[in-house]
Amino acid sequence: MIEAAQTSSRFDGALARSFYAEGHLLKGLEFLEKNLLPEARRVLENAVSEAPTDARPALALARACARAGDFAAAEDALLAALARDPSIAQVLASEPDLVQVLRREKIRAALGR
């Protein structure tokens, strides 16, 4: 993905940003899977900024932050994900990393609970 982004950046900046965001999301999820939390967070923060309308990077960042014990950052990322795509609320209960975050007042309010 990153190579595709580099190649496409010479022709189409928007397409390049899309490839970079997807590449960073995939790499961040790989780091999260390996429990490399600082690396996951760093890469996922890039993905969030590169894809400002995609909820997936923000949701993944919320998971990484929650797993690292940074529940305030997880809450912020999850609120951003919900703002980008409210339909992700349907899958949140199946995310074990987010159990404690889902109990937070702002999240409960955003979910209408």
C-alpha atoms as a PDB file:
ATOM      1  CA  MET A   1       0.000   0.000   0.000  1.00  0.00           C
ATOM      2  CA  ILE A   2       2.729   2.447   0.914  1.00  0.00           C
ATOM      3  CA  GLU A   3       4.527   1.789  -2.402  1.00  0.00           C
ATOM      4  CA  ALA A   4       1.273   2.350  -4.268  1.00  0.00           C
ATOM      5  CA  ALA A   5       0.810   5.610  -2.383  1.00  0.00           C
ATOM      6  CA  GLN A   6       4.289   6.770  -3.294  1.00  0.00           C
ATOM      7  CA  THR A   7       3.720   5.976  -6.956  1.00  0.00           C
ATOM      8  CA  SER A   8       0.271   7.533  -7.093  1.00  0.00           C
ATOM      9  CA  SER A   9       1.442  10.693  -5.317  1.00  0.00           C
ATOM     10  CA  ARG A  10       3.126  11.735  -8.549  1.00  0.00           C
ATOM     11  CA  PHE A  11      -0.229  11.695 -10.330  1.00  0.00           C
ATOM     12  CA  ASP A  12      -3.098  12.026  -7.871  1.00  0.00           C
ATOM     13  CA  GLY A  13      -2.621  13.454  -4.381  1.00  0.00           C
ATOM     14  CA  ALA A  14      -6.053  12.369  -3.116  1.00  0.00           C
ATOM     15  CA  LEU A  15      -5.505   8.801  -4.252  1.00  0.00           C
ATOM     16  CA  ALA A  16      -2.099   8.793  -2.583  1.00  0.00           C
ATOM     17  CA  ARG A  17      -3.607   9.959   0.734  1.00  0.00           C
ATOM     18  CA  SER A  18      -6.161   7.179   0.487  1.00  0.00           C
ATOM     19  CA  PHE A  19      -3.446   4.564  -0.051  1.00  0.00           C
ATOM     20  CA  TYR A  20      -1.304   5.976   2.768  1.00  0.00           C
ATOM     21  CA  ALA A  21      -4.291   5.940   5.142  1.00  0.00           C
ATOM     22  CA  GLU A  22      -5.188   2.358   4.257  1.00  0.00           C
ATOM     23  CA  GLY A  23      -1.559   1.273   4.586  1.00  0.00           C
ATOM     24  CA  HIS A  24      -1.242   2.932   7.982  1.00  0.00           C
ATOM     25  CA  LEU A  25      -4.522   1.388   9.129  1.00  0.00           C
ATOM     26  CA  LEU A  26      -3.353  -2.097   8.124  1.00  0.00           C
ATOM     27  CA  LYS A  27       0.062  -1.618   9.740  1.00  0.00           C
ATOM     28  CA  GLY A  28      -1.547  -0.239  12.905  1.00  0.00           C
ATOM     29  CA  LEU A  29      -3.877  -3.239  13.104  1.00  0.00           C
ATOM     30  CA  GLU A  30      -0.874  -5.535  12.649  1.00  0.00           C
ATOM     31  CA  PHE A  31       0.911  -3.811  15.551  1.00  0.00           C
ATOM     32  CA  LEU A  32      -2.268  -4.030  17.634  1.00  0.00           C
ATOM     33  CA  GLU A  33      -2.530  -7.760  16.886  1.00  0.00           C
ATOM     34  CA  LYS A  34       1.067  -8.174  18.092  1.00  0.00           C
ATOM     35  CA  ASN A  35       0.305  -6.020  21.166  1.00  0.00           C
ATOM     36  CA  LEU A  36       2.922  -3.452  20.116  1.00  0.00           C
ATOM     37  CA  LEU A  37       0.817  -0.655  21.516  1.00  0.00           C
ATOM     38  CA  PRO A  38       3.076   2.426  21.174  1.00  0.00           C
ATOM     39  CA  GLU A  39       3.759   1.515  17.542  1.00  0.00           C
ATOM     40  CA  ALA A  40       0.084   0.812  16.886  1.00  0.00           C
ATOM     41  CA  ARG A  41      -0.941   4.125  18.381  1.00  0.00           C
ATOM     42  CA  ARG A  42       1.626   6.121  16.402  1.00  0.00           C
ATOM     43  CA  VAL A  43       0.669   4.544  13.071  1.00  0.00           C
ATOM     44  CA  LEU A  44      -3.064   4.680  13.750  1.00  0.00           C
ATOM     45  CA  GLU A  45      -2.847   8.371  14.661  1.00  0.00           C
ATOM     46  CA  ASN A  46      -1.395   8.909  11.178  1.00  0.00           C
ATOM     47  CA  ALA A  47      -4.216   6.885   9.633  1.00  0.00           C
ATOM     48  CA  VAL A  48      -6.821   8.941  11.506  1.00  0.00           C
ATOM     49  CA  SER A  49      -5.393  12.211  10.214  1.00  0.00           C
ATOM     50  CA  GLU A  50      -4.991  10.869   6.662  1.00  0.00           C
ATOM     51  CA  ALA A  51      -8.590   9.599   6.457  1.00  0.00           C
ATOM     52  CA  PRO A  52     -10.717  12.261   8.153  1.00  0.00           C
ATOM     53  CA  THR A  53     -14.045  10.684   7.153  1.00  0.00           C
ATOM     54  CA  ASP A  54     -13.234   6.997   7.750  1.00  0.00           C
ATOM     55  CA  ALA A  55     -14.308   5.653  11.151  1.00  0.00           C
ATOM     56  CA  ARG A  56     -12.128   2.528  10.980  1.00  0.00           C
ATOM     57  CA  PRO A  57      -8.794   4.174  11.892  1.00  0.00           C
ATOM     58  CA  ALA A  58     -10.379   6.072  14.799  1.00  0.00           C
ATOM     59  CA  LEU A  59     -12.003   2.876  16.086  1.00  0.00           C
ATOM     60  CA  ALA A  60      -8.700   1.012  15.856  1.00  0.00           C
ATOM     61  CA  LEU A  61      -6.957   3.892  17.649  1.00  0.00           C
ATOM     62  CA  ALA A  62      -9.590   3.725  20.405  1.00  0.00           C
ATOM     63  CA  ARG A  63      -8.832   0.024  20.817  1.00  0.00           C
ATOM     64  CA  ALA A  64      -5.066   0.633  20.994  1.00  0.00           C
ATOM     65  CA  CYS A  65      -5.429   3.438  23.534  1.00  0.00           C
ATOM     66  CA  ALA A  66      -7.845   1.419  25.674  1.00  0.00           C
ATOM     67  CA  ARG A  67      -5.587  -1.614  25.634  1.00  0.00           C
ATOM     68  CA  ALA A  68      -2.713   0.631  26.753  1.00  0.00           C
ATOM     69  CA  GLY A  69      -4.851   1.942  29.621  1.00  0.00           C
ATOM     70  CA  ASP A  70      -5.245   5.466  28.240  1.00  0.00           C
ATOM     71  CA  PHE A  71      -9.022   5.593  28.545  1.00  0.00           C
ATOM     72  CA  ALA A  72      -9.303   9.351  28.007  1.00  0.00           C
ATOM     73  CA  ALA A  73      -7.550   9.067  24.623  1.00  0.00           C
ATOM     74  CA  ALA A  74      -9.617   5.969  23.819  1.00  0.00           C
ATOM     75  CA  GLU A  75     -12.782   7.926  24.587  1.00  0.00           C
ATOM     76  CA  ASP A  76     -11.709  10.788  22.307  1.00  0.00           C
ATOM     77  CA  ALA A  77     -10.883   8.401  19.472  1.00  0.00           C
ATOM     78  CA  LEU A  78     -14.140   6.507  19.898  1.00  0.00           C
ATOM     79  CA  LEU A  79     -16.156   9.733  19.874  1.00  0.00           C
ATOM     80  CA  ALA A  80     -14.354  10.697  16.660  1.00  0.00           C
ATOM     81  CA  ALA A  81     -15.178   7.298  15.141  1.00  0.00           C
ATOM     82  CA  LEU A  82     -18.845   7.675  16.084  1.00  0.00           C
ATOM     83  CA  ALA A  83     -18.938  11.166  14.601  1.00  0.00           C
ATOM     84  CA  ARG A  84     -17.502   9.836  11.355  1.00  0.00           C
ATOM     85  CA  ASP A  85     -19.907   6.899  11.137  1.00  0.00           C
ATOM     86  CA  PRO A  86     -22.621   6.437  13.769  1.00  0.00           C
ATOM     87  CA  SER A  87     -23.389   2.937  12.458  1.00  0.00           C
ATOM     88  CA  ILE A  88     -20.227   1.600  14.109  1.00  0.00           C
ATOM     89  CA  ALA A  89     -22.190   1.694  17.368  1.00  0.00           C
ATOM     90  CA  GLN A  90     -23.617  -1.664  16.296  1.00  0.00           C
ATOM     91  CA  VAL A  91     -20.255  -3.435  16.597  1.00  0.00           C
ATOM     92  CA  LEU A  92     -18.876  -1.829  19.747  1.00  0.00           C
ATOM     93  CA  ALA A  93     -20.214  -4.447  22.152  1.00  0.00           C
ATOM     94  CA  SER A  94     -18.165  -7.073  20.310  1.00  0.00           C
ATOM     95  CA  GLU A  95     -14.888  -5.213  20.940  1.00  0.00           C
ATOM     96  CA  PRO A  96     -13.388  -6.554  24.185  1.00  0.00           C
ATOM     97  CA  ASP A  97     -10.767  -3.785  24.216  1.00  0.00           C
ATOM     98  CA  LEU A  98     -13.505  -1.179  24.601  1.00  0.00           C
ATOM     99  CA  VAL A  99     -15.444  -2.593  27.570  1.00  0.00           C
ATOM    100  CA  GLN A 100     -14.226   0.053  30.027  1.00  0.00           C
ATOM    101  CA  VAL A 101     -14.470   2.869  27.496  1.00  0.00           C
ATOM    102  CA  LEU A 102     -18.105   2.056  26.758  1.00  0.00           C
ATOM    103  CA  ARG A 103     -18.910   2.752  30.425  1.00  0.00           C
ATOM    104  CA  ARG A 104     -17.653   6.346  30.223  1.00  0.00           C
ATOM    105  CA  GLU A 105     -20.276   9.064  30.490  1.00  0.00           C
ATOM    106  CA  LYS A 106     -19.542  10.815  27.169  1.00  0.00           C
ATOM    107  CA  ILE A 107     -19.639   7.522  25.290  1.00  0.00           C
ATOM    108  CA  ARG A 108     -22.869   6.466  26.961  1.00  0.00           C
ATOM    109  CA  ALA A 109     -24.391   9.834  26.025  1.00  0.00           C
ATOM    110  CA  ALA A 110     -23.181   9.528  22.420  1.00  0.00           C
ATOM    111  CA  LEU A 111     -24.754   6.075  22.223  1.00  0.00           C
ATOM    112  CA  GLY A 112     -27.963   7.271  23.845  1.00  0.00           C
ATOM    113  CA  ARG A 113     -27.615   4.997  26.882  1.00  0.00           C
END
